[in-house]
Amino acid sequence: MTVTPKKNTPVPAELTTPADSPPEPKPAEEPRVVGPALVSTMQPVTVVLAAHLHIGGADYAPGDKILVSADYARRLRGQGYTARSA
């Protein structure tokens, strides 16, 4: 049986992080308009969803705030997808 000595490799200071330090916050993503494209003169509208919605390959849960065109917001309200209060 051969015994090999244990090698103590020093760890660079950049790789060690103290357990008590909080993680650095990520920069807030700029919200993007979902759904049909905006007309160049139209401003996006923020709506709060009242039901689960799948738009453009992304899932949005109830309570999520999304930016949509004013026309699309009107259609979502008519179909019951938006909350009464924003």
Protein backbone atom coordinates (compact mmCIF):
# COMPACT_ATOMS: atom_id res chain seq x y z
CA MET A 1 0.00 0.00 0.00
CA THR A 2 1.38 3.34 -1.05
CA VAL A 3 0.72 6.48 0.96
CA THR A 4 0.75 9.72 -0.98
CA PRO A 5 1.12 13.00 0.88
CA LYS A 6 -1.82 15.39 0.85
CA LYS A 7 -1.12 18.55 -1.13
CA ASN A 8 -2.37 21.82 0.33
CA THR A 9 -3.07 24.11 -2.58
CA PRO A 10 -3.63 27.74 -1.57
CA VAL A 11 -6.95 29.20 -2.74
CA PRO A 12 -6.87 32.69 -4.27
CA ALA A 13 -8.70 35.38 -2.28
CA GLU A 14 -11.02 36.10 -5.22
CA LEU A 15 -12.46 32.59 -5.04
CA THR A 16 -13.24 32.68 -1.34
CA THR A 17 -16.34 34.61 -0.30
CA PRO A 18 -17.39 35.10 3.30
CA ALA A 19 -20.65 33.36 4.13
CA ASP A 20 -22.03 36.43 5.91
CA SER A 21 -21.75 38.80 2.93
CA PRO A 22 -25.03 39.36 1.03
CA PRO A 23 -25.09 38.57 -2.67
CA GLU A 24 -24.73 41.57 -4.94
CA PRO A 25 -28.09 42.74 -6.32
CA LYS A 26 -28.63 42.31 -10.03
CA PRO A 27 -29.43 45.43 -12.03
CA ALA A 28 -33.14 45.79 -12.69
CA GLU A 29 -34.11 44.78 -16.18
CA GLU A 30 -35.84 47.40 -18.23
CA PRO A 31 -39.38 46.16 -18.87
CA ARG A 32 -40.09 45.39 -22.48
CA VAL A 33 -43.39 45.60 -24.29
CA VAL A 34 -45.05 42.21 -24.78
CA GLY A 35 -47.77 41.23 -27.20
CA PRO A 36 -48.52 42.97 -30.49
CA ALA A 37 -46.10 45.69 -31.61
CA LEU A 38 -46.68 49.32 -30.70
CA VAL A 39 -47.60 51.97 -33.23
CA SER A 40 -44.77 54.53 -33.32
CA THR A 41 -46.93 57.29 -31.76
CA MET A 42 -48.40 55.09 -29.01
CA GLN A 43 -47.07 54.85 -25.44
CA PRO A 44 -47.06 51.44 -23.68
CA VAL A 45 -49.49 50.80 -20.83
CA THR A 46 -48.68 48.85 -17.64
CA VAL A 47 -51.30 46.26 -16.70
CA VAL A 48 -51.52 43.86 -13.75
CA LEU A 49 -52.60 40.37 -14.74
CA ALA A 50 -55.51 38.67 -13.00
CA ALA A 51 -54.93 35.29 -14.64
CA HIS A 52 -52.08 33.21 -16.03
CA LEU A 53 -51.15 34.32 -19.54
CA HIS A 54 -48.73 32.94 -22.14
CA ILE A 55 -47.51 35.64 -24.55
CA GLY A 56 -44.76 35.21 -27.12
CA GLY A 57 -43.26 32.11 -25.51
CA ALA A 58 -43.15 33.58 -21.99
CA ASP A 59 -45.42 32.71 -19.07
CA TYR A 60 -46.83 35.47 -16.86
CA ALA A 61 -48.45 34.65 -13.50
CA PRO A 62 -51.37 36.46 -11.87
CA GLY A 63 -50.13 39.66 -10.25
CA ASP A 64 -47.30 40.21 -12.75
CA LYS A 65 -47.04 43.70 -14.24
CA ILE A 66 -46.41 43.82 -17.98
CA LEU A 67 -46.13 46.58 -20.59
CA VAL A 68 -48.48 46.28 -23.54
CA SER A 69 -49.93 48.53 -26.21
CA ALA A 70 -53.10 50.44 -25.27
CA ASP A 71 -55.14 48.45 -27.80
CA TYR A 72 -53.87 45.13 -26.43
CA ALA A 73 -54.56 46.28 -22.85
CA ARG A 74 -58.16 47.05 -23.86
CA ARG A 75 -58.53 43.57 -25.36
CA LEU A 76 -57.04 41.92 -22.25
CA ARG A 77 -59.46 43.85 -20.01
CA GLY A 78 -62.41 42.78 -22.16
CA GLN A 79 -61.36 39.13 -21.87
CA GLY A 80 -60.84 39.31 -18.08
CA TYR A 81 -57.07 38.93 -18.04
CA THR A 82 -56.28 42.14 -16.14
CA ALA A 83 -56.89 43.03 -12.51
CA ARG A 84 -59.32 45.81 -11.58
CA SER A 85 -56.64 47.84 -9.77
CA ALA A 86 -53.13 48.57 -11.01
